[in-house]
C-alpha atoms as a PDB file:
ATOM      1  CA  MET A   1       0.000   0.000   0.000  1.00  0.00           C
ATOM      2  CA  PRO A   2       1.426   3.434  -0.911  1.00  0.00           C
ATOM      3  CA  HIS A   3       2.363   5.852   1.843  1.00  0.00           C
ATOM      4  CA  PRO A   4      -0.180   8.707   2.072  1.00  0.00           C
ATOM      5  CA  VAL A   5       0.986  12.219   1.302  1.00  0.00           C
ATOM      6  CA  TYR A   6      -0.668  13.456   4.481  1.00  0.00           C
ATOM      7  CA  PRO A   7      -0.319  10.873   7.245  1.00  0.00           C
ATOM      8  CA  ALA A   8      -2.942  10.685   9.937  1.00  0.00           C
ATOM      9  CA  THR A   9      -2.003  12.571  13.067  1.00  0.00           C
ATOM     10  CA  THR A  10      -1.556   9.971  15.768  1.00  0.00           C
ATOM     11  CA  LYS A  11      -1.003  10.409  19.485  1.00  0.00           C
ATOM     12  CA  GLU A  12       2.454   8.932  18.982  1.00  0.00           C
ATOM     13  CA  LEU A  13       3.435  11.401  16.239  1.00  0.00           C
ATOM     14  CA  ALA A  14       2.045  14.324  18.226  1.00  0.00           C
ATOM     15  CA  ALA A  15       3.962  13.230  21.345  1.00  0.00           C
ATOM     16  CA  HIS A  16       7.165  12.795  19.331  1.00  0.00           C
ATOM     17  CA  ARG A  17       6.779  16.289  17.847  1.00  0.00           C
ATOM     18  CA  THR A  18       6.324  17.705  21.361  1.00  0.00           C
ATOM     19  CA  ASP A  19       9.276  15.731  22.752  1.00  0.00           C
ATOM     20  CA  LEU A  20      11.604  17.120  20.068  1.00  0.00           C
ATOM     21  CA  ALA A  21      10.958  20.758  21.075  1.00  0.00           C
ATOM     22  CA  PRO A  22       8.855  20.906  24.253  1.00  0.00           C
ATOM     23  CA  GLU A  23       9.423  24.594  25.038  1.00  0.00           C
ATOM     24  CA  THR A  24       8.621  25.687  21.499  1.00  0.00           C
ATOM     25  CA  HIS A  25       5.552  23.445  21.483  1.00  0.00           C
ATOM     26  CA  ALA A  26       4.334  24.988  24.754  1.00  0.00           C
ATOM     27  CA  ALA A  27       4.925  28.497  23.401  1.00  0.00           C
ATOM     28  CA  PHE A  28       3.009  27.707  20.232  1.00  0.00           C
ATOM     29  CA  GLN A  29       0.111  26.257  22.230  1.00  0.00           C
ATOM     30  CA  ALA A  30      -0.028  29.380  24.415  1.00  0.00           C
ATOM     31  CA  PHE A  31       0.145  31.625  21.328  1.00  0.00           C
ATOM     32  CA  SER A  32      -2.664  29.714  19.638  1.00  0.00           C
ATOM     33  CA  LYS A  33      -4.834  29.854  22.758  1.00  0.00           C
ATOM     34  CA  GLN A  34      -4.349  33.623  22.979  1.00  0.00           C
ATOM     35  CA  VAL A  35      -4.980  34.231  19.281  1.00  0.00           C
ATOM     36  CA  PHE A  36      -8.275  32.337  19.290  1.00  0.00           C
ATOM     37  CA  ALA A  37      -9.555  33.724  22.603  1.00  0.00           C
ATOM     38  CA  ASP A  38     -12.593  36.008  22.483  1.00  0.00           C
ATOM     39  CA  GLY A  39     -11.466  39.584  22.031  1.00  0.00           C
ATOM     40  CA  ALA A  40     -12.492  42.321  19.621  1.00  0.00           C
ATOM     41  CA  LEU A  41     -13.592  39.385  17.453  1.00  0.00           C
ATOM     42  CA  PRO A  42     -15.493  36.469  18.951  1.00  0.00           C
ATOM     43  CA  GLU A  43     -13.881  33.023  18.709  1.00  0.00           C
ATOM     44  CA  LYS A  44     -16.496  31.864  16.203  1.00  0.00           C
ATOM     45  CA  THR A  45     -15.447  34.617  13.795  1.00  0.00           C
ATOM     46  CA  LYS A  46     -11.781  33.815  14.337  1.00  0.00           C
ATOM     47  CA  GLN A  47     -12.430  30.141  13.570  1.00  0.00           C
ATOM     48  CA  LEU A  48     -14.259  31.092  10.369  1.00  0.00           C
ATOM     49  CA  ILE A  49     -11.270  33.229   9.388  1.00  0.00           C
ATOM     50  CA  ALA A  50      -9.035  30.225  10.114  1.00  0.00           C
ATOM     51  CA  VAL A  51     -11.202  28.003   7.889  1.00  0.00           C
ATOM     52  CA  ALA A  52     -10.830  30.509   5.055  1.00  0.00           C
ATOM     53  CA  VAL A  53      -7.072  30.889   5.529  1.00  0.00           C
ATOM     54  CA  ALA A  54      -6.641  27.112   5.758  1.00  0.00           C
ATOM     55  CA  HIS A  55      -8.196  26.826   2.310  1.00  0.00           C
ATOM     56  CA  VAL A  56      -5.836  29.464   0.908  1.00  0.00           C
ATOM     57  CA  THR A  57      -2.790  27.790   2.478  1.00  0.00           C
ATOM     58  CA  GLN A  58      -4.267  24.419   1.465  1.00  0.00           C
ATOM     59  CA  CYS A  59      -3.502  22.728   4.773  1.00  0.00           C
ATOM     60  CA  PRO A  60      -5.776  19.674   5.105  1.00  0.00           C
ATOM     61  CA  TYR A  61      -5.052  19.354   8.830  1.00  0.00           C
ATOM     62  CA  CYS A  62      -6.037  22.982   9.416  1.00  0.00           C
ATOM     63  CA  ILE A  63      -9.129  22.714   7.215  1.00  0.00           C
ATOM     64  CA  ARG A  64     -10.411  19.749   9.211  1.00  0.00           C
ATOM     65  CA  SER A  65      -9.542  21.028  12.679  1.00  0.00           C
ATOM     66  CA  HIS A  66     -10.702  24.635  12.259  1.00  0.00           C
ATOM     67  CA  THR A  67     -13.914  23.543  10.536  1.00  0.00           C
ATOM     68  CA  LYS A  68     -14.715  21.352  13.537  1.00  0.00           C
ATOM     69  CA  LEU A  69     -13.759  24.143  15.946  1.00  0.00           C
ATOM     70  CA  ALA A  70     -15.927  26.640  14.041  1.00  0.00           C
ATOM     71  CA  GLN A  71     -18.858  24.228  14.296  1.00  0.00           C
ATOM     72  CA  ARG A  72     -18.285  23.823  18.040  1.00  0.00           C
ATOM     73  CA  LYS A  73     -18.434  27.611  18.380  1.00  0.00           C
ATOM     74  CA  GLY A  74     -21.785  27.695  16.606  1.00  0.00           C
ATOM     75  CA  ALA A  75     -20.902  28.168  12.934  1.00  0.00           C
ATOM     76  CA  GLY A  76     -23.289  26.456  10.551  1.00  0.00           C
ATOM     77  CA  GLU A  77     -22.509  24.849   7.219  1.00  0.00           C
ATOM     78  CA  GLN A  78     -23.627  27.937   5.302  1.00  0.00           C
ATOM     79  CA  GLU A  79     -21.323  30.210   7.326  1.00  0.00           C
ATOM     80  CA  ILE A  80     -18.411  27.820   6.802  1.00  0.00           C
ATOM     81  CA  MET A  81     -19.067  27.597   3.058  1.00  0.00           C
ATOM     82  CA  GLU A  82     -19.383  31.373   2.811  1.00  0.00           C
ATOM     83  CA  ALA A  83     -15.998  31.758   4.525  1.00  0.00           C
ATOM     84  CA  ILE A  84     -14.533  29.310   1.994  1.00  0.00           C
ATOM     85  CA  TRP A  85     -16.006  31.321  -0.878  1.00  0.00           C
ATOM     86  CA  VAL A  86     -14.419  34.477   0.543  1.00  0.00           C
ATOM     87  CA  ALA A  87     -11.079  32.643   0.555  1.00  0.00           C
ATOM     88  CA  ALA A  88     -11.608  31.504  -3.036  1.00  0.00           C
ATOM     89  CA  GLU A  89     -12.409  35.041  -4.156  1.00  0.00           C
ATOM     90  CA  MET A  90      -9.369  36.457  -2.392  1.00  0.00           C
ATOM     91  CA  ARG A  91      -7.079  33.876  -3.965  1.00  0.00           C
ATOM     92  CA  ALA A  92      -8.538  34.515  -7.427  1.00  0.00           C
ATOM     93  CA  GLY A  93      -8.491  38.242  -6.782  1.00  0.00           C
ATOM     94  CA  GLY A  94      -4.767  38.085  -6.087  1.00  0.00           C
ATOM     95  CA  ALA A  95      -4.127  36.579  -9.518  1.00  0.00           C
ATOM     96  CA  TYR A  96      -6.364  39.187 -11.121  1.00  0.00           C
ATOM     97  CA  ALA A  97      -4.718  42.094  -9.281  1.00  0.00           C
ATOM     98  CA  HIS A  98      -1.223  40.880 -10.127  1.00  0.00           C
ATOM     99  CA  SER A  99      -2.097  40.704 -13.826  1.00  0.00           C
ATOM    100  CA  VAL A 100      -0.931  44.308 -14.082  1.00  0.00           C
ATOM    101  CA  ILE A 101       2.619  43.033 -13.511  1.00  0.00           C
ATOM    102  CA  ALA A 102       2.379  40.872 -16.637  1.00  0.00           C
ATOM    103  CA  LEU A 103       0.739  43.684 -18.577  1.00  0.00           C
ATOM    104  CA  ASP A 104       3.472  46.080 -17.473  1.00  0.00           C
ATOM    105  CA  ALA A 105       6.111  43.555 -18.544  1.00  0.00           C
ATOM    106  CA  THR A 106       4.565  43.319 -22.012  1.00  0.00           C
ATOM    107  CA  SER A 107       4.268  47.075 -22.484  1.00  0.00           C
ATOM    108  CA  GLY A 108       7.406  47.163 -24.585  1.00  0.00           C
ATOM    109  CA  GLU A 109       9.418  49.200 -22.136  1.00  0.00           C
ATOM    110  CA  PRO A 110      12.725  47.741 -20.980  1.00  0.00           C
ATOM    111  CA  SER A 111      12.697  46.438 -17.435  1.00  0.00           C
END
């Protein structure tokens, strides 16, 4: 059987990752907890932002975990899908906006 591109996260792999850099792991956990805490934005909104960003960065682990966390904070399927559509538009919009670089390069002026 071929080895999957994205292996399942197991307790053993997670523990090994922590054991290799325990202080950094603890700092990252504290940072994450602070970032997603209710503040000017409620945690539900922050989780929806994370779902959108996870789709732009194309991280399957992040997509799965932040989608579940968004649901736990009360986000419905329509809200999650709308966040994903915002991400899709932003990614497409970046390509569109940067088209001026190609057009500038083809303008005939030396670079």
